[in-house]
Structures are given as C-alpha cells and as structure tokens.
Amino acid sequence: MPDVFIDEATRDRLQAAAFRRLVHHLQARTDVQNVDLMGVGGFCRNCLGDWLHEAATEAGVPLEHADARTHVYGMHQSDWKKQHQTEATPKQLARMAGSLERNKAAGLGNDLG
C-alpha cells in the first residue's frame, strides 16, 4: 500500500487526530453496544483501550491497562457498563462469534479484551 502522507510525523499527527475523533464518537454514541461493534467490525471500546495500552507498553510509556480503557470509555469501564450496557441477545452473541472467527482467519487475533 502506498504511503499517502508527506512524512512519518505528519502521518502520526493525522492518525492520532483520527483516533481522538473515533474515541469522542464512541463516547457520544453510548447507544452503540460493544457486542454490536464486535459483531460488525471485529473490535470494540475494550479493544481500543487494549491497543492503546499495548502501544504505551511498546513505547515504554507507563499507562495502566484500566486507565487506557477509562480513556476510551470517558469513564471507568464498570461505570459505563452500569449506565449504558444492555444484555446481549443470542443474535448479537452469534454475530460477534462469527466476527471473531473472521478476525482469527485474517490473523487479527481472537481477543475479547
């Protein structure tokens, strides 16, 4: 894939801005359940928090796992669950399971976070 960015610093700055916008979007759209995100896209808020934590670890930056998830949720994960999470339906769970299998087949892992 060709690199469309002027340089690495520009790429990093623009990707970081896109990540911040995605996080803001997910914080505002509390009606969108993680099970639905997993079912459609193969990732959820937990995944983003985990990826943020992994990136910090790789960069040698101290960031607790729970703090990374709190950053993504905009509040502690347990508070978000109490306020916004609904019971997953069998259909949602089946869709998520299929999506996780597609992740695995694509070499993306199968971690629920």
PDB file of N, CA and C in Angstrom:
ATOM      1  N   MET A   1       0.849  -1.172   0.000  1.00  0.00           N
ATOM      2  CA  MET A   1       0.000   0.000   0.000  1.00  0.00           C
ATOM      3  C   MET A   1       0.896   1.238   0.000  1.00  0.00           C
ATOM      4  N   PRO A   2       0.658   2.155  -0.910  1.00  0.00           N
ATOM      5  CA  PRO A   2       1.487   3.370  -0.959  1.00  0.00           C
ATOM      6  C   PRO A   2       1.221   4.263   0.244  1.00  0.00           C
ATOM      7  N   ASP A   3       2.273   4.932   0.706  1.00  0.00           N
ATOM      8  CA  ASP A   3       2.140   5.864   1.821  1.00  0.00           C
ATOM      9  C   ASP A   3       1.650   7.193   1.266  1.00  0.00           C
ATOM     10  N   VAL A   4       0.488   7.628   1.731  1.00  0.00           N
ATOM     11  CA  VAL A   4      -0.122   8.857   1.210  1.00  0.00           C
ATOM     12  C   VAL A   4       0.269  10.093   2.013  1.00  0.00           C
ATOM     13  N   PHE A   5       1.067   9.913   3.061  1.00  0.00           N
ATOM     14  CA  PHE A   5       1.431  11.024   3.925  1.00  0.00           C
ATOM     15  C   PHE A   5       2.769  11.619   3.512  1.00  0.00           C
ATOM     16  N   ILE A   6       2.925  12.897   3.785  1.00  0.00           N
ATOM     17  CA  ILE A   6       4.134  13.626   3.436  1.00  0.00           C
ATOM     18  C   ILE A   6       5.351  13.032   4.137  1.00  0.00           C
ATOM     19  N   ASP A   7       5.176  12.748   5.425  1.00  0.00           N
ATOM     20  CA  ASP A   7       6.274  12.178   6.212  1.00  0.00           C
ATOM     21  C   ASP A   7       5.685  11.454   7.420  1.00  0.00           C
ATOM     22  N   GLU A   8       6.535  10.790   8.155  1.00  0.00           N
ATOM     23  CA  GLU A   8       6.084   9.987   9.291  1.00  0.00           C
ATOM     24  C   GLU A   8       5.445  10.845  10.382  1.00  0.00           C
ATOM     25  N   ALA A   9       6.002  12.006  10.647  1.00  0.00           N
ATOM     26  CA  ALA A   9       5.456  12.885  11.686  1.00  0.00           C
ATOM     27  C   ALA A   9       4.045  13.351  11.315  1.00  0.00           C
ATOM     28  N   THR A  10       3.842  13.675  10.038  1.00  0.00           N
ATOM     29  CA  THR A  10       2.510  14.087   9.576  1.00  0.00           C
ATOM     30  C   THR A  10       1.538  12.919   9.688  1.00  0.00           C
ATOM     31  N   ARG A  11       1.975  11.739   9.287  1.00  0.00           N
ATOM     32  CA  ARG A  11       1.130  10.550   9.400  1.00  0.00           C
ATOM     33  C   ARG A  11       0.717  10.330  10.847  1.00  0.00           C
ATOM     34  N   ASP A  12       1.679  10.375  11.759  1.00  0.00           N
ATOM     35  CA  ASP A  12       1.379  10.152  13.169  1.00  0.00           C
ATOM     36  C   ASP A  12       0.399  11.191  13.709  1.00  0.00           C
ATOM     37  N   ARG A  13       0.591  12.450  13.350  1.00  0.00           N
ATOM     38  CA  ARG A  13      -0.278  13.533  13.818  1.00  0.00           C
ATOM     39  C   ARG A  13      -1.706  13.346  13.301  1.00  0.00           C
ATOM     40  N   LEU A  14      -1.853  13.000  12.031  1.00  0.00           N
ATOM     41  CA  LEU A  14      -3.179  12.837  11.441  1.00  0.00           C
ATOM     42  C   LEU A  14      -3.870  11.573  11.955  1.00  0.00           C
ATOM     43  N   GLN A  15      -3.123  10.497  12.110  1.00  0.00           N
ATOM     44  CA  GLN A  15      -3.710   9.276  12.656  1.00  0.00           C
ATOM     45  C   GLN A  15      -4.128   9.479  14.105  1.00  0.00           C
ATOM     46  N   ALA A  16      -3.346  10.204  14.869  1.00  0.00           N
ATOM     47  CA  ALA A  16      -3.707  10.499  16.259  1.00  0.00           C
ATOM     48  C   ALA A  16      -4.992  11.323  16.314  1.00  0.00           C
ATOM     49  N   ALA A  17      -5.133  12.284  15.418  1.00  0.00           N
ATOM     50  CA  ALA A  17      -6.351  13.098  15.372  1.00  0.00           C
ATOM     51  C   ALA A  17      -7.559  12.233  15.018  1.00  0.00           C
ATOM     52  N   ALA A  18      -7.378  11.310  14.086  1.00  0.00           N
ATOM     53  CA  ALA A  18      -8.473  10.411  13.713  1.00  0.00           C
ATOM     54  C   ALA A  18      -8.847   9.500  14.886  1.00  0.00           C
ATOM     55  N   PHE A  19      -7.851   9.015  15.631  1.00  0.00           N
ATOM     56  CA  PHE A  19      -8.118   8.188  16.801  1.00  0.00           C
ATOM     57  C   PHE A  19      -8.907   8.979  17.848  1.00  0.00           C
ATOM     58  N   ARG A  20      -8.486  10.216  18.107  1.00  0.00           N
ATOM     59  CA  ARG A  20      -9.197  11.044  19.083  1.00  0.00           C
ATOM     60  C   ARG A  20     -10.652  11.256  18.651  1.00  0.00           C
ATOM     61  N   ARG A  21     -10.864  11.457  17.366  1.00  0.00           N
ATOM     62  CA  ARG A  21     -12.228  11.648  16.869  1.00  0.00           C
ATOM     63  C   ARG A  21     -13.052  10.363  17.023  1.00  0.00           C
ATOM     64  N   LEU A  22     -12.451   9.217  16.749  1.00  0.00           N
ATOM     65  CA  LEU A  22     -13.142   7.942  16.929  1.00  0.00           C
ATOM     66  C   LEU A  22     -13.520   7.750  18.392  1.00  0.00           C
ATOM     67  N   VAL A  23     -12.601   8.012  19.310  1.00  0.00           N
ATOM     68  CA  VAL A  23     -12.873   7.866  20.734  1.00  0.00           C
ATOM     69  C   VAL A  23     -14.007   8.800  21.150  1.00  0.00           C
ATOM     70  N   HIS A  24     -13.961  10.050  20.711  1.00  0.00           N
ATOM     71  CA  HIS A  24     -15.027  11.006  21.035  1.00  0.00           C
ATOM     72  C   HIS A  24     -16.367  10.508  20.498  1.00  0.00           C
ATOM     73  N   HIS A  25     -16.357  10.004  19.286  1.00  0.00           N
ATOM     74  CA  HIS A  25     -17.577   9.491  18.654  1.00  0.00           C
ATOM     75  C   HIS A  25     -18.165   8.347  19.491  1.00  0.00           C
ATOM     76  N   LEU A  26     -17.308   7.406  19.902  1.00  0.00           N
ATOM     77  CA  LEU A  26     -17.789   6.273  20.687  1.00  0.00           C
ATOM     78  C   LEU A  26     -18.257   6.698  22.078  1.00  0.00           C
ATOM     79  N   GLN A  27     -17.632   7.725  22.640  1.00  0.00           N
ATOM     80  CA  GLN A  27     -18.087   8.224  23.937  1.00  0.00           C
ATOM     81  C   GLN A  27     -19.469   8.869  23.815  1.00  0.00           C
ATOM     82  N   ALA A  28     -19.722   9.523  22.709  1.00  0.00           N
ATOM     83  CA  ALA A  28     -21.011  10.171  22.496  1.00  0.00           C
ATOM     84  C   ALA A  28     -22.105   9.163  22.127  1.00  0.00           C
ATOM     85  N   ARG A  29     -21.733   8.092  21.441  1.00  0.00           N
ATOM     86  CA  ARG A  29     -22.713   7.101  20.981  1.00  0.00           C
ATOM     87  C   ARG A  29     -22.791   5.928  21.946  1.00  0.00           C
ATOM     88  N   THR A  30     -23.243   6.217  23.158  1.00  0.00           N
ATOM     89  CA  THR A  30     -23.363   5.176  24.171  1.00  0.00           C
ATOM     90  C   THR A  30     -24.457   4.173  23.827  1.00  0.00           C
ATOM     91  N   ASP A  31     -25.305   4.507  22.856  1.00  0.00           N
ATOM     92  CA  ASP A  31     -26.337   3.569  22.429  1.00  0.00           C
ATOM     93  C   ASP A  31     -25.752   2.407  21.626  1.00  0.00           C
ATOM     94  N   VAL A  32     -24.555   2.583  21.114  1.00  0.00           N
ATOM     95  CA  VAL A  32     -23.906   1.526  20.345  1.00  0.00           C
ATOM     96  C   VAL A  32     -23.188   0.597  21.325  1.00  0.00           C
ATOM     97  N   GLN A  33     -23.656  -0.626  21.392  1.00  0.00           N
ATOM     98  CA  GLN A  33     -23.118  -1.598  22.329  1.00  0.00           C
ATOM     99  C   GLN A  33     -21.830  -2.211  21.807  1.00  0.00           C
ATOM    100  N   ASN A  34     -20.934  -2.576  22.717  1.00  0.00           N
ATOM    101  CA  ASN A  34     -19.687  -3.233  22.333  1.00  0.00           C
ATOM    102  C   ASN A  34     -19.938  -4.519  21.565  1.00  0.00           C
ATOM    103  N   VAL A  35     -20.949  -5.280  21.959  1.00  0.00           N
ATOM    104  CA  VAL A  35     -21.245  -6.536  21.266  1.00  0.00           C
ATOM    105  C   VAL A  35     -21.606  -6.260  19.799  1.00  0.00           C
ATOM    106  N   ASP A  36     -22.254  -5.131  19.526  1.00  0.00           N
ATOM    107  CA  ASP A  36     -22.584  -4.770  18.143  1.00  0.00           C
ATOM    108  C   ASP A  36     -21.337  -4.337  17.374  1.00  0.00           C
ATOM    109  N   LEU A  37     -20.472  -3.561  18.025  1.00  0.00           N
ATOM    110  CA  LEU A  37     -19.213  -3.177  17.387  1.00  0.00           C
ATOM    111  C   LEU A  37     -18.399  -4.417  17.039  1.00  0.00           C
ATOM    112  N   MET A  38     -18.334  -5.370  17.983  1.00  0.00           N
ATOM    113  CA  MET A  38     -17.598  -6.613  17.738  1.00  0.00           C
ATOM    114  C   MET A  38     -18.236  -7.405  16.604  1.00  0.00           C
ATOM    115  N   GLY A  39     -19.550  -7.448  16.594  1.00  0.00           N
ATOM    116  CA  GLY A  39     -20.255  -8.225  15.581  1.00  0.00           C
ATOM    117  C   GLY A  39     -20.079  -7.687  14.178  1.00  0.00           C
ATOM    118  N   VAL A  40     -20.005  -6.381  14.056  1.00  0.00           N
ATOM    119  CA  VAL A  40     -19.884  -5.759  12.734  1.00  0.00           C
ATOM    120  C   VAL A  40     -18.430  -5.522  12.340  1.00  0.00           C
ATOM    121  N   GLY A  41     -17.652  -4.975  13.279  1.00  0.00           N
ATOM    122  CA  GLY A  41     -16.295  -4.562  12.932  1.00  0.00           C
ATOM    123  C   GLY A  41     -15.175  -5.409  13.498  1.00  0.00           C
ATOM    124  N   GLY A  42     -15.516  -6.302  14.418  1.00  0.00           N
ATOM    125  CA  GLY A  42     -14.489  -7.152  14.997  1.00  0.00           C
ATOM    126  C   GLY A  42     -13.625  -6.456  16.034  1.00  0.00           C
ATOM    127  N   PHE A  43     -14.077  -5.315  16.544  1.00  0.00           N
ATOM    128  CA  PHE A  43     -13.369  -4.604  17.612  1.00  0.00           C
ATOM    129  C   PHE A  43     -14.401  -3.812  18.399  1.00  0.00           C
ATOM    130  N   CYS A  44     -14.019  -3.383  19.600  1.00  0.00           N
ATOM    131  CA  CYS A  44     -14.930  -2.597  20.430  1.00  0.00           C
ATOM    132  C   CYS A  44     -14.125  -1.603  21.265  1.00  0.00           C
ATOM    133  N   ARG A  45     -14.787  -0.955  22.168  1.00  0.00           N
ATOM    134  CA  ARG A  45     -14.120   0.006  23.048  1.00  0.00           C
ATOM    135  C   ARG A  45     -13.002  -0.667  23.845  1.00  0.00           C
ATOM    136  N   ASN A  46     -13.266  -1.890  24.328  1.00  0.00           N
ATOM    137  CA  ASN A  46     -12.232  -2.613  25.071  1.00  0.00           C
ATOM    138  C   ASN A  46     -10.989  -2.802  24.215  1.00  0.00           C
ATOM    139  N   CYS A  47     -11.193  -3.175  22.972  1.00  0.00           N
ATOM    140  CA  CYS A  47     -10.062  -3.393  22.068  1.00  0.00           C
ATOM    141  C   CYS A  47      -9.248  -2.112  21.909  1.00  0.00           C
ATOM    142  N   LEU A  48      -9.929  -0.991  21.693  1.00  0.00           N
ATOM    143  CA  LEU A  48      -9.206   0.279  21.538  1.00  0.00           C
ATOM    144  C   LEU A  48      -8.393   0.601  22.783  1.00  0.00           C
ATOM    145  N   GLY A  49      -8.975   0.391  23.952  1.00  0.00           N
ATOM    146  CA  GLY A  49      -8.236   0.612  25.187  1.00  0.00           C
ATOM    147  C   GLY A  49      -7.045  -0.321  25.310  1.00  0.00           C
ATOM    148  N   ASP A  50      -7.251  -1.582  24.921  1.00  0.00           N
ATOM    149  CA  ASP A  50      -6.157  -2.553  24.966  1.00  0.00           C
ATOM    150  C   ASP A  50      -5.050  -2.168  23.994  1.00  0.00           C
ATOM    151  N   TRP A  51      -5.425  -1.732  22.810  1.00  0.00           N
ATOM    152  CA  TRP A  51      -4.426  -1.336  21.811  1.00  0.00           C
ATOM    153  C   TRP A  51      -3.652  -0.109  22.291  1.00  0.00           C
ATOM    154  N   LEU A  52      -4.348   0.814  22.948  1.00  0.00           N
ATOM    155  CA  LEU A  52      -3.684   1.995  23.500  1.00  0.00           C
ATOM    156  C   LEU A  52      -2.689   1.567  24.577  1.00  0.00           C
ATOM    157  N   HIS A  53      -3.097   0.662  25.438  1.00  0.00           N
ATOM    158  CA  HIS A  53      -2.213   0.150  26.480  1.00  0.00           C
ATOM    159  C   HIS A  53      -1.002  -0.552  25.867  1.00  0.00           C
ATOM    160  N   GLU A  54      -1.217  -1.385  24.859  1.00  0.00           N
ATOM    161  CA  GLU A  54      -0.119  -2.090  24.194  1.00  0.00           C
ATOM    162  C   GLU A  54       0.851  -1.112  23.534  1.00  0.00           C
ATOM    163  N   ALA A  55       0.309  -0.074  22.902  1.00  0.00           N
ATOM    164  CA  ALA A  55       1.172   0.920  22.261  1.00  0.00           C
ATOM    165  C   ALA A  55       2.020   1.647  23.300  1.00  0.00           C
ATOM    166  N   ALA A  56       1.416   1.972  24.430  1.00  0.00           N
ATOM    167  CA  ALA A  56       2.165   2.634  25.503  1.00  0.00           C
ATOM    168  C   ALA A  56       3.268   1.722  26.030  1.00  0.00           C
ATOM    169  N   THR A  57       2.937   0.457  26.227  1.00  0.00           N
ATOM    170  CA  THR A  57       3.928  -0.507  26.712  1.00  0.00           C
ATOM    171  C   THR A  57       5.095  -0.626  25.738  1.00  0.00           C
ATOM    172  N   GLU A  58       4.772  -0.741  24.446  1.00  0.00           N
ATOM    173  CA  GLU A  58       5.822  -0.844  23.422  1.00  0.00           C
ATOM    174  C   GLU A  58       6.697   0.401  23.377  1.00  0.00           C
ATOM    175  N   ALA A  59       6.106   1.554  23.678  1.00  0.00           N
ATOM    176  CA  ALA A  59       6.856   2.809  23.656  1.00  0.00           C
ATOM    177  C   ALA A  59       7.552   3.101  24.985  1.00  0.00           C
ATOM    178  N   GLY A  60       7.352   2.221  25.965  1.00  0.00           N
ATOM    179  CA  GLY A  60       7.962   2.442  27.271  1.00  0.00           C
ATOM    180  C   GLY A  60       7.287   3.525  28.084  1.00  0.00           C
ATOM    181  N   VAL A  61       6.026   3.799  27.761  1.00  0.00           N
ATOM    182  CA  VAL A  61       5.263   4.830  28.466  1.00  0.00           C
ATOM    183  C   VAL A  61       4.387   4.153  29.511  1.00  0.00           C
ATOM    184  N   PRO A  62       4.497   4.562  30.784  1.00  0.00           N
ATOM    185  CA  PRO A  62       3.662   3.930  31.805  1.00  0.00           C
ATOM    186  C   PRO A  62       2.194   4.320  31.637  1.00  0.00           C
ATOM    187  N   LEU A  63       1.359   3.333  31.404  1.00  0.00           N
ATOM    188  CA  LEU A  63      -0.089   3.539  31.287  1.00  0.00           C
ATOM    189  C   LEU A  63      -0.759   2.251  31.737  1.00  0.00           C
ATOM    190  N   GLU A  64      -1.487   2.341  32.826  1.00  0.00           N
ATOM    191  CA  GLU A  64      -2.184   1.168  33.349  1.00  0.00           C
ATOM    192  C   GLU A  64      -3.260   0.729  32.366  1.00  0.00           C
ATOM    193  N   HIS A  65      -3.478  -0.577  32.304  1.00  0.00           N
ATOM    194  CA  HIS A  65      -4.482  -1.150  31.413  1.00  0.00           C
ATOM    195  C   HIS A  65      -5.860  -0.522  31.660  1.00  0.00           C
ATOM    196  N   ALA A  66      -6.267  -0.456  32.927  1.00  0.00           N
ATOM    197  CA  ALA A  66      -7.576   0.118  33.265  1.00  0.00           C
ATOM    198  C   ALA A  66      -7.652   1.598  32.886  1.00  0.00           C
ATOM    199  N   ASP A  67      -6.541   2.316  33.018  1.00  0.00           N
ATOM    200  CA  ASP A  67      -6.527   3.738  32.651  1.00  0.00           C
ATOM    201  C   ASP A  67      -6.688   3.931  31.148  1.00  0.00           C
ATOM    202  N   ALA A  68      -6.115   3.030  30.372  1.00  0.00           N
ATOM    203  CA  ALA A  68      -6.270   3.112  28.914  1.00  0.00           C
ATOM    204  C   ALA A  68      -7.730   2.913  28.534  1.00  0.00           C
ATOM    205  N   ARG A  69      -8.376   1.943  29.153  1.00  0.00           N
ATOM    206  CA  ARG A  69      -9.794   1.723  28.869  1.00  0.00           C
ATOM    207  C   ARG A  69     -10.638   2.896  29.352  1.00  0.00           C
ATOM    208  N   THR A  70     -10.304   3.451  30.509  1.00  0.00           N
ATOM    209  CA  THR A  70     -11.030   4.616  31.009  1.00  0.00           C
ATOM    210  C   THR A  70     -10.925   5.769  30.020  1.00  0.00           C
ATOM    211  N   HIS A  71      -9.755   5.938  29.425  1.00  0.00           N
ATOM    212  CA  HIS A  71      -9.582   6.990  28.424  1.00  0.00           C
ATOM    213  C   HIS A  71     -10.551   6.794  27.262  1.00  0.00           C
ATOM    214  N   VAL A  72     -10.667   5.573  26.794  1.00  0.00           N
ATOM    215  CA  VAL A  72     -11.540   5.296  25.650  1.00  0.00           C
ATOM    216  C   VAL A  72     -13.013   5.450  26.035  1.00  0.00           C
ATOM    217  N   TYR A  73     -13.395   4.915  27.183  1.00  0.00           N
ATOM    218  CA  TYR A  73     -14.793   4.991  27.611  1.00  0.00           C
ATOM    219  C   TYR A  73     -15.204   6.398  28.050  1.00  0.00           C
ATOM    220  N   GLY A  74     -14.246   7.195  28.503  1.00  0.00           N
ATOM    221  CA  GLY A  74     -14.583   8.510  29.041  1.00  0.00           C
ATOM    222  C   GLY A  74     -15.022   8.430  30.499  1.00  0.00           C
ATOM    223  N   MET A  75     -14.943   7.272  31.067  1.00  0.00           N
ATOM    224  CA  MET A  75     -15.269   6.996  32.477  1.00  0.00           C
ATOM    225  C   MET A  75     -14.757   5.596  32.765  1.00  0.00           C
ATOM    226  N   HIS A  76     -14.793   5.191  34.025  1.00  0.00           N
ATOM    227  CA  HIS A  76     -14.358   3.833  34.337  1.00  0.00           C
ATOM    228  C   HIS A  76     -15.273   2.848  33.611  1.00  0.00           C
ATOM    229  N   GLN A  77     -14.687   1.775  33.126  1.00  0.00           N
ATOM    230  CA  GLN A  77     -15.443   0.792  32.349  1.00  0.00           C
ATOM    231  C   GLN A  77     -16.651   0.262  33.123  1.00  0.00           C
ATOM    232  N   SER A  78     -16.496   0.005  34.399  1.00  0.00           N
ATOM    233  CA  SER A  78     -17.620  -0.525  35.190  1.00  0.00           C
ATOM    234  C   SER A  78     -18.758   0.490  35.286  1.00  0.00           C
ATOM    235  N   ASP A  79     -18.432   1.779  35.355  1.00  0.00           N
ATOM    236  CA  ASP A  79     -19.467   2.810  35.379  1.00  0.00           C
ATOM    237  C   ASP A  79     -20.201   2.858  34.045  1.00  0.00           C
ATOM    238  N   TRP A  80     -19.444   2.746  32.944  1.00  0.00           N
ATOM    239  CA  TRP A  80     -20.070   2.742  31.618  1.00  0.00           C
ATOM    240  C   TRP A  80     -21.035   1.566  31.499  1.00  0.00           C
ATOM    241  N   LYS A  81     -20.591   0.406  31.948  1.00  0.00           N
ATOM    242  CA  LYS A  81     -21.451  -0.788  31.877  1.00  0.00           C
ATOM    243  C   LYS A  81     -22.748  -0.569  32.644  1.00  0.00           C
ATOM    244  N   LYS A  82     -22.652  -0.030  33.861  1.00  0.00           N
ATOM    245  CA  LYS A  82     -23.845   0.217  34.673  1.00  0.00           C
ATOM    246  C   LYS A  82     -24.799   1.193  33.994  1.00  0.00           C
ATOM    247  N   GLN A  83     -24.233   2.225  33.364  1.00  0.00           N
ATOM    248  CA  GLN A  83     -25.054   3.280  32.782  1.00  0.00           C
ATOM    249  C   GLN A  83     -25.577   2.966  31.382  1.00  0.00           C
ATOM    250  N   HIS A  84     -24.809   2.185  30.605  1.00  0.00           N
ATOM    251  CA  HIS A  84     -25.139   2.081  29.181  1.00  0.00           C
ATOM    252  C   HIS A  84     -25.250   0.667  28.618  1.00  0.00           C
ATOM    253  N   GLN A  85     -24.632  -0.305  29.253  1.00  0.00           N
ATOM    254  CA  GLN A  85     -24.615  -1.639  28.646  1.00  0.00           C
ATOM    255  C   GLN A  85     -25.932  -2.365  28.854  1.00  0.00           C
ATOM    256  N   THR A  86     -26.425  -2.983  27.799  1.00  0.00           N
ATOM    257  CA  THR A  86     -27.632  -3.784  27.865  1.00  0.00           C
ATOM    258  C   THR A  86     -27.265  -5.258  27.741  1.00  0.00           C
ATOM    259  N   GLU A  87     -28.189  -6.111  28.071  1.00  0.00           N
ATOM    260  CA  GLU A  87     -27.975  -7.562  27.958  1.00  0.00           C
ATOM    261  C   GLU A  87     -27.876  -7.931  26.478  1.00  0.00           C
ATOM    262  N   ALA A  88     -26.846  -8.686  26.143  1.00  0.00           N
ATOM    263  CA  ALA A  88     -26.658  -9.120  24.754  1.00  0.00           C
ATOM    264  C   ALA A  88     -27.679 -10.204  24.407  1.00  0.00           C
ATOM    265  N   THR A  89     -28.203 -10.103  23.199  1.00  0.00           N
ATOM    266  CA  THR A  89     -29.153 -11.108  22.726  1.00  0.00           C
ATOM    267  C   THR A  89     -28.391 -12.279  22.113  1.00  0.00           C
ATOM    268  N   PRO A  90     -29.031 -13.430  21.989  1.00  0.00           N
ATOM    269  CA  PRO A  90     -28.375 -14.555  21.309  1.00  0.00           C
ATOM    270  C   PRO A  90     -27.925 -14.201  19.885  1.00  0.00           C
ATOM    271  N   LYS A  91     -28.714 -13.394  19.196  1.00  0.00           N
ATOM    272  CA  LYS A  91     -28.354 -12.979  17.833  1.00  0.00           C
ATOM    273  C   LYS A  91     -27.077 -12.125  17.845  1.00  0.00           C
ATOM    274  N   GLN A  92     -26.977 -11.195  18.780  1.00  0.00           N
ATOM    275  CA  GLN A  92     -25.777 -10.365  18.892  1.00  0.00           C
ATOM    276  C   GLN A  92     -24.553 -11.218  19.206  1.00  0.00           C
ATOM    277  N   LEU A  93     -24.718 -12.143  20.134  1.00  0.00           N
ATOM    278  CA  LEU A  93     -23.596 -13.008  20.516  1.00  0.00           C
ATOM    279  C   LEU A  93     -23.151 -13.896  19.361  1.00  0.00           C
ATOM    280  N   ALA A  94     -24.102 -14.406  18.584  1.00  0.00           N
ATOM    281  CA  ALA A  94     -23.757 -15.240  17.429  1.00  0.00           C
ATOM    282  C   ALA A  94     -23.026 -14.421  16.369  1.00  0.00           C
ATOM    283  N   ARG A  95     -23.492 -13.201  16.139  1.00  0.00           N
ATOM    284  CA  ARG A  95     -22.832 -12.330  15.159  1.00  0.00           C
ATOM    285  C   ARG A  95     -21.412 -12.005  15.602  1.00  0.00           C
ATOM    286  N   MET A  96     -21.241 -11.739  16.906  1.00  0.00           N
ATOM    287  CA  MET A  96     -19.919 -11.455  17.438  1.00  0.00           C
ATOM    288  C   MET A  96     -19.007 -12.676  17.276  1.00  0.00           C
ATOM    289  N   ALA A  97     -19.520 -13.862  17.557  1.00  0.00           N
ATOM    290  CA  ALA A  97     -18.714 -15.080  17.425  1.00  0.00           C
ATOM    291  C   ALA A  97     -18.229 -15.258  15.981  1.00  0.00           C
ATOM    292  N   GLY A  98     -19.100 -15.015  15.030  1.00  0.00           N
ATOM    293  CA  GLY A  98     -18.703 -15.102  13.624  1.00  0.00           C
ATOM    294  C   GLY A  98     -17.654 -14.065  13.274  1.00  0.00           C
ATOM    295  N   SER A  99     -17.800 -12.874  13.807  1.00  0.00           N
ATOM    296  CA  SER A  99     -16.835 -11.806  13.553  1.00  0.00           C
ATOM    297  C   SER A  99     -15.478 -12.147  14.140  1.00  0.00           C
ATOM    298  N   LEU A 100     -15.472 -12.734  15.328  1.00  0.00           N
ATOM    299  CA  LEU A 100     -14.208 -13.140  15.947  1.00  0.00           C
ATOM    300  C   LEU A 100     -13.519 -14.223  15.125  1.00  0.00           C
ATOM    301  N   GLU A 101     -14.292 -15.099  14.532  1.00  0.00           N
ATOM    302  CA  GLU A 101     -13.712 -16.116  13.649  1.00  0.00           C
ATOM    303  C   GLU A 101     -13.095 -15.466  12.412  1.00  0.00           C
ATOM    304  N   ARG A 102     -13.759 -14.434  11.865  1.00  0.00           N
ATOM    305  CA  ARG A 102     -13.190 -13.707  10.718  1.00  0.00           C
ATOM    306  C   ARG A 102     -11.907 -12.985  11.118  1.00  0.00           C
ATOM    307  N   ASN A 103     -11.864 -12.436  12.343  1.00  0.00           N
ATOM    308  CA  ASN A 103     -10.626 -11.827  12.847  1.00  0.00           C
ATOM    309  C   ASN A 103      -9.510 -12.852  12.871  1.00  0.00           C
ATOM    310  N   LYS A 104      -9.823 -14.005  13.411  1.00  0.00           N
ATOM    311  CA  LYS A 104      -8.829 -15.082  13.532  1.00  0.00           C
ATOM    312  C   LYS A 104      -8.320 -15.495  12.151  1.00  0.00           C
ATOM    313  N   ALA A 105      -9.239 -15.664  11.198  1.00  0.00           N
ATOM    314  CA  ALA A 105      -8.849 -16.064   9.839  1.00  0.00           C
ATOM    315  C   ALA A 105      -7.997 -15.000   9.165  1.00  0.00           C
ATOM    316  N   ALA A 106      -8.197 -13.752   9.541  1.00  0.00           N
ATOM    317  CA  ALA A 106      -7.428 -12.649   8.960  1.00  0.00           C
ATOM    318  C   ALA A 106      -6.121 -12.402   9.720  1.00  0.00           C
ATOM    319  N   GLY A 107      -5.875 -13.207  10.756  1.00  0.00           N
ATOM    320  CA  GLY A 107      -4.653 -13.036  11.545  1.00  0.00           C
ATOM    321  C   GLY A 107      -4.717 -11.874  12.514  1.00  0.00           C
ATOM    322  N   LEU A 108      -5.913 -11.464  12.874  1.00  0.00           N
ATOM    323  CA  LEU A 108      -6.082 -10.320  13.769  1.00  0.00           C
ATOM    324  C   LEU A 108      -6.249 -10.721  15.222  1.00  0.00           C
ATOM    325  N   GLY A 109      -6.259 -11.978  15.496  1.00  0.00           N
ATOM    326  CA  GLY A 109      -6.443 -12.444  16.873  1.00  0.00           C
ATOM    327  C   GLY A 109      -7.889 -12.683  17.190  1.00  0.00           C
ATOM    328  N   ASN A 110      -8.118 -13.137  18.392  1.00  0.00           N
ATOM    329  CA  ASN A 110      -9.462 -13.502  18.800  1.00  0.00           C
ATOM    330  C   ASN A 110      -9.711 -13.060  20.230  1.00  0.00           C
ATOM    331  N   ASP A 111      -9.131 -11.916  20.612  1.00  0.00           N
ATOM    332  CA  ASP A 111      -9.192 -11.440  21.985  1.00  0.00           C
ATOM    333  C   ASP A 111     -10.437 -10.603  22.206  1.00  0.00           C
ATOM    334  N   LEU A 112     -11.203 -10.954  23.210  1.00  0.00           N
ATOM    335  CA  LEU A 112     -12.382 -10.168  23.561  1.00  0.00           C
ATOM    336  C   LEU A 112     -12.056  -8.992  24.448  1.00  0.00           C
ATOM    337  N   GLY A 113     -10.860  -8.934  24.984  1.00  0.00           N
ATOM    338  CA  GLY A 113     -10.460  -7.836  25.828  1.00  0.00           C
ATOM    339  C   GLY A 113     -10.998  -7.829  27.193  1.00  0.00           C
TER     340      GLY A 113
END
